[in-house]
Protein backbone atom coordinates (compact mmCIF):
# COMPACT_ATOMS: atom_id res chain seq x y z
CA UNK A 1 -14.76 16.61 13.94
CA UNK A 2 -14.17 20.33 13.44
CA UNK A 3 -10.75 21.93 13.45
CA UNK A 4 -9.66 24.23 16.24
CA UNK A 5 -8.05 27.28 14.61
CA UNK A 6 -4.82 26.75 16.55
CA UNK A 7 -4.42 23.03 15.88
CA UNK A 8 -3.39 21.06 12.79
CA UNK A 9 -6.18 19.83 10.55
CA UNK A 10 -6.69 16.15 11.11
CA UNK A 11 -6.72 13.86 8.09
CA UNK A 12 -7.53 10.21 7.46
CA UNK A 13 -7.32 7.73 4.60
CA UNK A 14 -9.46 4.85 3.39
CA UNK A 15 -7.87 2.59 0.79
CA UNK A 16 -9.22 -0.48 -0.99
CA UNK A 17 -7.20 -3.43 -2.26
CA UNK A 18 -8.01 -6.48 -4.36
CA UNK A 19 -7.17 -9.73 -2.58
CA UNK A 20 -5.55 -12.53 -4.56
CA UNK A 21 -4.24 -16.03 -3.93
CA UNK A 22 -0.80 -17.36 -4.88
CA UNK A 23 -1.92 -17.74 -8.50
CA UNK A 24 -3.15 -14.16 -8.76
CA UNK A 25 -6.81 -15.19 -8.72
CA UNK A 26 -9.30 -12.92 -6.94
CA UNK A 27 -10.41 -14.43 -3.62
CA UNK A 28 -12.49 -13.48 -0.58
CA UNK A 29 -10.50 -11.73 2.17
CA UNK A 30 -12.23 -13.33 5.18
CA UNK A 31 -9.04 -14.30 7.11
CA UNK A 32 -7.70 -10.75 6.79
CA UNK A 33 -10.60 -8.83 8.31
CA UNK A 34 -9.55 -9.50 11.91
CA UNK A 35 -5.86 -8.71 11.26
CA UNK A 36 -6.10 -5.09 12.43
CA UNK A 37 -8.41 -2.34 13.53
CA UNK A 38 -9.87 -0.41 10.59
CA UNK A 39 -10.12 -3.40 8.24
CA UNK A 40 -13.46 -4.14 6.60
CA UNK A 41 -15.06 -6.06 3.75
CA UNK A 42 -16.17 -4.01 0.77
CA UNK A 43 -19.32 -4.49 -1.29
CA UNK A 44 -17.78 -7.05 -3.66
CA UNK A 45 -16.19 -10.26 -2.41
CA UNK A 46 -12.49 -9.87 -3.36
CA UNK A 47 -12.15 -6.27 -2.14
CA UNK A 48 -10.77 -5.23 1.27
CA UNK A 49 -10.80 -1.74 2.80
CA UNK A 50 -8.24 -0.44 5.30
CA UNK A 51 -9.04 2.79 7.18
CA UNK A 52 -7.10 5.05 9.50
CA UNK A 53 -8.40 7.15 12.36
CA UNK A 54 -8.17 10.97 12.10
CA UNK A 55 -4.50 11.93 12.53
CA UNK A 56 -3.03 15.36 13.27
CA UNK A 57 0.20 14.93 11.30
CA UNK A 58 1.45 13.20 8.20
CA UNK A 59 3.89 11.22 10.36
CA UNK A 60 1.05 9.88 12.49
CA UNK A 61 -1.04 9.07 9.43
CA UNK A 62 1.88 7.30 7.80
CA UNK A 63 2.62 5.21 10.88
CA UNK A 64 -0.99 4.17 11.35
CA UNK A 65 -1.75 3.33 7.73
CA UNK A 66 1.48 1.41 7.19
CA UNK A 67 1.12 -0.39 10.52
CA UNK A 68 -2.37 -1.57 9.66
CA UNK A 69 -1.40 -2.66 6.16
CA UNK A 70 1.63 -4.48 7.56
CA UNK A 71 -0.53 -6.42 10.02
CA UNK A 72 -2.86 -7.41 7.20
CA UNK A 73 0.11 -8.51 5.08
CA UNK A 74 1.41 -10.70 7.91
CA UNK A 75 -1.89 -12.60 8.00
CA UNK A 76 -2.08 -12.62 4.21
CA UNK A 77 1.34 -14.32 4.05
CA UNK A 78 0.06 -17.07 6.36
CA UNK A 79 -2.84 -17.75 3.98
CA UNK A 80 -1.03 -17.41 0.67
CA UNK A 81 -2.76 -14.12 -0.15
CA UNK A 82 -1.68 -10.72 -1.43
CA UNK A 83 -3.01 -7.15 -1.59
CA UNK A 84 -3.17 -5.64 -5.07
CA UNK A 85 -2.94 -1.83 -5.42
CA UNK A 86 -4.63 -1.63 -8.83
CA UNK A 87 -7.75 0.45 -9.54
CA UNK A 88 -9.30 -2.40 -11.53
CA UNK A 89 -8.50 -6.12 -11.45
CA UNK A 90 -7.42 -5.65 -15.11
CA UNK A 91 -9.46 -8.63 -16.26
CA UNK A 92 -12.19 -10.58 -14.48
CA UNK A 93 -15.33 -12.21 -15.82
CA UNK A 94 -17.32 -12.65 -12.61
CA UNK A 95 -17.04 -10.73 -9.34
CA UNK A 96 -19.64 -11.62 -6.74
CA UNK A 97 -21.35 -9.08 -4.51
CA UNK A 98 -21.36 -9.27 -0.74
CA UNK A 99 -25.14 -9.61 -0.11
CA UNK A 100 -26.55 -6.17 0.69
CA UNK A 101 -29.88 -4.39 0.24
CA UNK A 102 -27.99 -1.22 -0.61
CA UNK A 103 -26.08 -2.96 -3.41
CA UNK A 104 -29.27 -4.57 -4.72
CA UNK A 105 -30.97 -1.17 -5.00
CA UNK A 106 -27.97 0.40 -6.72
CA UNK A 107 -27.94 -2.42 -9.23
CA UNK A 108 -31.65 -1.85 -9.96
CA UNK A 109 -31.18 1.91 -10.36
CA UNK A 110 -27.97 1.93 -12.40
CA UNK A 111 -28.72 -1.18 -14.43
CA UNK A 112 -26.12 -3.06 -16.44
CA UNK A 113 -23.59 -0.25 -16.04
CA UNK A 114 -23.35 -1.08 -12.34
CA UNK A 115 -20.79 -3.67 -13.47
CA UNK A 116 -18.40 -0.74 -14.01
CA UNK A 117 -18.55 0.24 -10.32
CA UNK A 118 -18.06 -3.34 -9.16
CA UNK A 119 -14.62 -3.48 -10.78
CA UNK A 120 -13.12 -0.41 -9.13
CA UNK A 121 -10.86 0.08 -6.10
CA UNK A 122 -10.03 3.54 -4.83
CA UNK A 123 -8.70 5.81 -2.12
CA UNK A 124 -10.66 8.34 -0.04
CA UNK A 125 -8.92 11.23 1.72
CA UNK A 126 -10.76 13.00 4.56
CA UNK A 127 -9.71 16.40 5.88
CA UNK A 128 -11.20 17.97 8.96
CA UNK A 129 -13.72 20.77 8.46
CA UNK A 130 -12.59 24.29 9.34
CA UNK A 131 -15.56 26.08 10.92
CA UNK A 132 -16.76 28.83 8.61
CA UNK A 133 -14.41 27.78 5.78
CA UNK A 134 -16.17 24.63 4.59
CA UNK A 135 -17.06 26.18 1.23
CA UNK A 136 -13.44 27.13 0.53
CA UNK A 137 -12.41 23.60 1.50
CA UNK A 138 -14.89 22.06 -0.91
CA UNK A 139 -13.91 24.42 -3.71
CA UNK A 140 -10.20 23.81 -3.14
CA UNK A 141 -10.68 20.04 -3.34
CA UNK A 142 -12.71 20.51 -6.53
CA UNK A 143 -9.80 22.44 -8.03
CA UNK A 144 -7.33 19.77 -6.87
CA UNK A 145 -9.37 16.95 -8.42
CA UNK A 146 -7.06 16.65 -11.49
CA UNK A 147 -4.39 15.41 -9.06
CA UNK A 148 -6.04 12.01 -9.43
CA UNK A 149 -3.60 11.57 -12.34
CA UNK A 150 -0.70 11.29 -9.88
CA UNK A 151 -1.90 7.87 -8.71
CA UNK A 152 -3.67 6.43 -11.77
CA UNK A 153 -3.06 2.72 -11.31
CA UNK A 154 -4.98 0.93 -14.05
CA UNK A 155 -5.67 1.56 -17.72
CA UNK A 156 -7.75 -1.57 -18.26
CA UNK A 157 -11.31 -2.80 -17.87
CA UNK A 158 -12.09 -6.45 -18.60
CA UNK A 159 -8.70 -6.83 -20.22
CA UNK A 160 -8.92 -3.90 -22.64
CA UNK A 161 -7.29 -0.48 -22.49
CA UNK A 162 -9.84 2.16 -21.51
CA UNK A 163 -7.89 5.29 -20.51
CA UNK A 164 -4.99 6.42 -18.32
CA UNK A 165 -7.42 6.49 -15.40
CA UNK A 166 -9.81 3.62 -16.11
CA UNK A 167 -11.57 3.78 -12.74
CA UNK A 168 -12.36 7.47 -13.07
CA UNK A 169 -13.73 6.93 -16.57
CA UNK A 170 -15.84 3.99 -15.39
CA UNK A 171 -17.40 5.98 -12.56
CA UNK A 172 -17.88 9.37 -14.20
CA UNK A 173 -18.57 8.62 -17.84
CA UNK A 174 -20.02 5.12 -17.87
CA UNK A 175 -21.62 3.87 -14.63
CA UNK A 176 -23.55 7.06 -13.86
CA UNK A 177 -24.15 8.22 -17.43
CA UNK A 178 -27.92 8.19 -16.91
CA UNK A 179 -27.56 9.94 -13.53
CA UNK A 180 -24.65 12.28 -14.30
CA UNK A 181 -25.16 14.47 -11.24
CA UNK A 182 -24.59 11.43 -9.04
CA UNK A 183 -21.11 10.55 -10.23
CA UNK A 184 -19.44 13.59 -11.77
CA UNK A 185 -17.57 16.50 -10.22
CA UNK A 186 -19.88 19.28 -9.04
CA UNK A 187 -19.36 22.99 -9.56
CA UNK A 188 -18.00 25.27 -6.86
CA UNK A 189 -20.39 26.25 -4.08
CA UNK A 190 -21.15 29.60 -2.46
CA UNK A 191 -22.60 28.29 0.81
CA UNK A 192 -23.14 25.11 2.79
CA UNK A 193 -26.86 25.66 2.31
CA UNK A 194 -26.33 25.46 -1.44
CA UNK A 195 -24.53 22.16 -0.87
CA UNK A 196 -27.47 20.79 1.13
CA UNK A 197 -29.94 21.84 -1.57
CA UNK A 198 -27.87 20.02 -4.18
CA UNK A 199 -27.82 16.88 -2.06
CA UNK A 200 -31.59 17.00 -1.65
CA UNK A 201 -32.11 17.36 -5.42
CA UNK A 202 -29.73 14.50 -6.18
CA UNK A 203 -31.48 12.32 -3.60
CA UNK A 204 -34.85 13.09 -5.18
CA UNK A 205 -33.44 12.11 -8.60
CA UNK A 206 -32.07 8.88 -7.16
CA UNK A 207 -35.33 8.05 -5.42
CA UNK A 208 -37.31 8.73 -8.60
CA UNK A 209 -35.00 6.47 -10.60
CA UNK A 210 -35.32 3.75 -7.95
CA UNK A 211 -39.11 3.91 -7.96
CA UNK A 212 -39.12 3.79 -11.77
CA UNK A 213 -36.98 0.66 -11.54
CA UNK A 214 -39.56 -0.97 -9.27
CA UNK A 215 -37.78 -0.50 -5.94
CA UNK A 216 -40.03 0.02 -2.92
CA UNK A 217 -39.76 3.53 -1.46
CA UNK A 218 -39.32 2.16 2.06
CA UNK A 219 -36.33 0.13 0.91
CA UNK A 220 -34.72 3.24 -0.55
CA UNK A 221 -35.30 5.28 2.61
CA UNK A 222 -33.94 2.54 4.87
CA UNK A 223 -30.71 2.15 2.84
CA UNK A 224 -29.93 5.68 1.65
CA UNK A 225 -30.02 9.29 2.77
CA UNK A 226 -29.06 12.40 0.77
CA UNK A 227 -25.40 12.16 1.81
CA UNK A 228 -24.97 8.45 1.02
CA UNK A 229 -26.92 8.36 -2.25
CA UNK A 230 -24.30 10.24 -4.30
CA UNK A 231 -20.79 9.29 -5.36
CA UNK A 232 -19.63 12.75 -6.52
CA UNK A 233 -15.83 13.00 -6.03
CA UNK A 234 -15.82 15.84 -3.46
CA UNK A 235 -18.28 15.77 -0.59
CA UNK A 236 -19.04 17.46 2.72
CA UNK A 237 -19.44 14.61 5.19
CA UNK A 238 -21.55 15.90 8.07
CA UNK A 239 -21.43 12.49 9.72
CA UNK A 240 -17.65 12.63 10.08
CA UNK A 241 -17.10 16.37 10.25
CA UNK A 242 -14.86 16.21 7.20
CA UNK A 243 -14.60 17.19 3.58
CA UNK A 244 -13.84 14.07 1.54
CA UNK A 245 -11.98 13.58 -1.74
CA UNK A 246 -12.94 10.27 -3.37
CA UNK A 247 -11.20 10.50 -6.76
CA UNK A 248 -7.81 8.79 -6.37
CA UNK A 249 -7.25 5.21 -7.40
CA UNK A 250 -5.92 2.70 -4.97
CA UNK A 251 -2.15 2.81 -5.34
CA UNK A 252 1.08 2.09 -3.52
CA UNK A 253 0.85 3.31 0.10
CA UNK A 254 3.83 5.64 -0.23
CA UNK A 255 2.21 7.37 -3.21
CA UNK A 256 -1.15 7.66 -1.47
CA UNK A 257 0.49 9.18 1.60
CA UNK A 258 2.48 11.66 -0.50
CA UNK A 259 -0.71 12.71 -2.30
CA UNK A 260 -2.74 13.03 0.91
CA UNK A 261 0.02 15.11 2.52
CA UNK A 262 -0.05 17.73 -0.23
CA UNK A 263 -3.85 17.78 -0.43
CA UNK A 264 -4.28 18.16 3.34
CA UNK A 265 -1.54 20.80 3.44
CA UNK A 266 -3.21 22.85 0.72
CA UNK A 267 -6.60 22.65 2.41
CA UNK A 268 -5.01 23.68 5.71
CA UNK A 269 -3.28 26.59 3.95
CA UNK A 270 -6.63 28.27 3.28
CA UNK A 271 -6.78 29.17 6.99
CA UNK A 272 -4.20 31.87 6.35
CA UNK A 273 -4.38 32.42 2.58
CA UNK A 274 -6.83 34.33 0.43
CA UNK A 275 -8.93 31.97 -1.70
CA UNK A 276 -10.39 33.23 -4.96
CA UNK A 277 -11.65 31.84 -8.27
CA UNK A 278 -10.05 33.40 -11.32
CA UNK A 279 -8.92 32.57 -14.84
CA UNK A 280 -7.85 29.16 -16.07
CA UNK A 281 -4.32 28.61 -14.74
CA UNK A 282 -4.56 28.33 -10.94
CA UNK A 283 -1.75 28.63 -8.40
CA UNK A 284 -0.91 28.22 -4.73
CA UNK A 285 1.43 30.78 -3.20
CA UNK A 286 2.40 31.77 0.32
CA UNK A 287 -0.59 34.05 0.73
CA UNK A 288 -3.01 33.00 -2.02
CA UNK A 289 -4.90 29.96 -3.29
CA UNK A 290 -6.17 30.85 -6.75
CA UNK A 291 -8.66 28.33 -8.12
CA UNK A 292 -9.34 28.21 -11.88
CA UNK A 293 -12.84 28.69 -13.20
CA UNK A 294 -14.75 25.43 -13.03
CA UNK A 295 -14.77 24.86 -16.81
CA UNK A 296 -10.97 25.02 -16.78
CA UNK A 297 -10.84 22.50 -13.91
CA UNK A 298 -12.94 20.09 -15.97
CA UNK A 299 -10.48 20.35 -18.84
CA UNK A 300 -7.66 19.38 -16.48
CA UNK A 301 -9.78 16.55 -15.04
CA UNK A 302 -10.50 15.20 -18.52
CA UNK A 303 -6.78 15.24 -19.31
CA UNK A 304 -6.05 13.44 -16.02
CA UNK A 305 -8.47 10.65 -16.96
CA UNK A 306 -7.65 10.35 -20.66
CA UNK A 307 -3.91 11.03 -20.77
CA UNK A 308 -2.64 11.13 -17.20
CA UNK A 309 0.76 12.74 -16.71
CA UNK A 310 1.46 12.62 -20.45
CA UNK A 311 -0.43 15.90 -20.61
CA UNK A 312 2.04 18.77 -20.30
CA UNK A 313 -0.77 21.21 -19.52
CA UNK A 314 -1.91 19.02 -16.65
CA UNK A 315 1.60 18.60 -15.27
CA UNK A 316 2.08 22.37 -15.30
CA UNK A 317 -1.22 22.91 -13.53
CA UNK A 318 -0.45 20.40 -10.79
CA UNK A 319 2.97 21.97 -10.22
CA UNK A 320 1.37 25.40 -9.86
CA UNK A 321 -1.11 23.93 -7.36
CA UNK A 322 1.74 22.70 -5.16
CA UNK A 323 2.31 19.09 -6.22
CA UNK A 324 5.78 17.66 -6.82
CA UNK A 325 4.76 15.84 -9.99
CA UNK A 326 8.20 14.30 -10.55
CA UNK A 327 7.94 12.49 -7.20
CA UNK A 328 5.05 10.33 -8.47
CA UNK A 329 5.27 7.24 -10.67
CA UNK A 330 1.70 6.19 -11.54
CA UNK A 331 1.39 2.45 -12.08
CA UNK A 332 -0.88 2.87 -15.10
CA UNK A 333 1.82 4.80 -16.93
CA UNK A 334 4.20 1.85 -16.86
CA UNK A 335 2.05 -0.62 -18.80
CA UNK A 336 1.36 0.35 -22.36
CA UNK A 337 1.24 -3.15 -23.83
CA UNK A 338 -1.15 -4.44 -26.44
CA UNK A 339 -4.84 -3.62 -26.62
CA UNK A 340 -6.05 -6.83 -24.97
CA UNK A 341 -4.81 -8.66 -21.87
CA UNK A 342 -5.59 -12.30 -21.10
CA UNK A 343 -6.84 -13.55 -17.75
CA UNK A 344 -3.51 -15.27 -17.09
CA UNK A 345 -1.55 -12.11 -17.91
CA UNK A 346 -3.84 -10.13 -15.61
CA UNK A 347 -3.19 -12.60 -12.79
CA UNK A 348 0.57 -12.27 -13.26
CA UNK A 349 0.35 -8.49 -13.17
CA UNK A 350 -1.72 -8.65 -9.99
CA UNK A 351 0.96 -10.78 -8.37
CA UNK A 352 3.68 -8.35 -9.45
CA UNK A 353 1.67 -5.42 -8.06
CA UNK A 354 1.06 -7.26 -4.77
CA UNK A 355 4.78 -7.92 -4.40
CA UNK A 356 5.52 -4.26 -5.12
CA UNK A 357 3.04 -3.19 -2.44
CA UNK A 358 4.73 -5.41 0.14
CA UNK A 359 8.14 -3.92 -0.75
CA UNK A 360 6.72 -0.41 -0.68
CA UNK A 361 5.32 -0.90 2.84
CA UNK A 362 8.64 -2.28 4.14
CA UNK A 363 10.69 0.47 2.55
CA UNK A 364 8.38 3.30 3.61
CA UNK A 365 8.20 1.99 7.16
CA UNK A 366 11.99 1.74 7.26
CA UNK A 367 12.45 5.32 6.11
CA UNK A 368 9.80 6.71 8.45
CA UNK A 369 11.33 5.05 11.55
CA UNK A 370 14.88 6.31 11.00
C-alpha cells in the first residue's frame, strides 16, 4: 500500500502474547487460533499473534485490535486460558518450537543464543509508505526507536533481572552478537537504493553464516530472502508497502495503541514538515522534524534498554519528539523485586498480567464506544 497525498496514512499493528492456563503455565494456543480473523500461531508453541488490517484512523485501529483481542479472550475464558502481555515469560526452562524449516535454519546460524529470541514477545507497528518520502519515514522511525522504553514490559530472562527492556537487550546485544548487522538499529539512509544494498549485504552475510553452519544453500534460498533474513528494528517492507517498527515489547493494548498513534502521527507529519538531521537533542514542531545525529540516537536507545524511563535525558528526548511520557506506565518499571524469580512466582505474575490485560481491553473498549 502507498499513501495518497490527500488521505490519512494507514497503520496496522501486530502484537504477540504468551498463552497460559489457569495455573499460569505456558500452553499451546490451538483453541484460540480460530477465534478471530488476524490470529496466528507464532514460531514457539505458547505464543499467539494478533494482527490488524491497515486502518486509516486511530479510532478504526483501536476498534479492530480490541475487537479481535476480545474475541480471543472470549474463547480463552471457555478453555481456562489467558493472554499475557509480557515481553518475556519471566522464567521458563523449556519452550518448544513450532516445527519449521525457517526456525531450524535460524537455530543453526545463531547457535545457542537463539534461545534468547525464543523467549521474546513483541509488537510491530506498520505505517503506510509515502511515495518519494520513504527515506524520511525510515529515518524518522530510527530516531523514534528510543520510544521502546514507553512499553518495556519485562526486566527478566530465565528468572533473573537483565535490564529495563530485557527483550531489546536479548535481541540486539545477545542473540545476534555474532551477526550484529542483523539485529541492531541501522544508520539513517540517503536513498531507497542504499537500503536495498544494505539488505543484499546482510543477506549475503546470513547465507555465508548458514553455509558455514552446514545448512544447504537451497534450504536457505527457499526459506529466506533479503527482506526476511534480517530482524533490524526499522525496515522498509516492500511486500506490504509499509515502513515497519519492530522494537516495542508486547504490552497492554491501550499502551500499544497510544504508542502507535503518536508514531504514526509523527511519520504522517513529515508530509508537511521539513525533516533534517542535526545535533543531539531532536524535536518535533509544527513545521519541523529534527532528528538527532545517529550516534546520539544510539545513546538514547541504550538508555531505553538499560534504564527505561528512569533516565531523565531519555524522558526529555521523548517529550521533545512528541510523546506524552507521563501517559505511559511501563509494566517492567513496576517490578523491582529481588534478583531471582522462581517458576511459581513467574506463573503468578503471568496470571496477574493476563487479568490486567482483560481489564484493559474492557476499559479501553468502554471508553472508545462512548
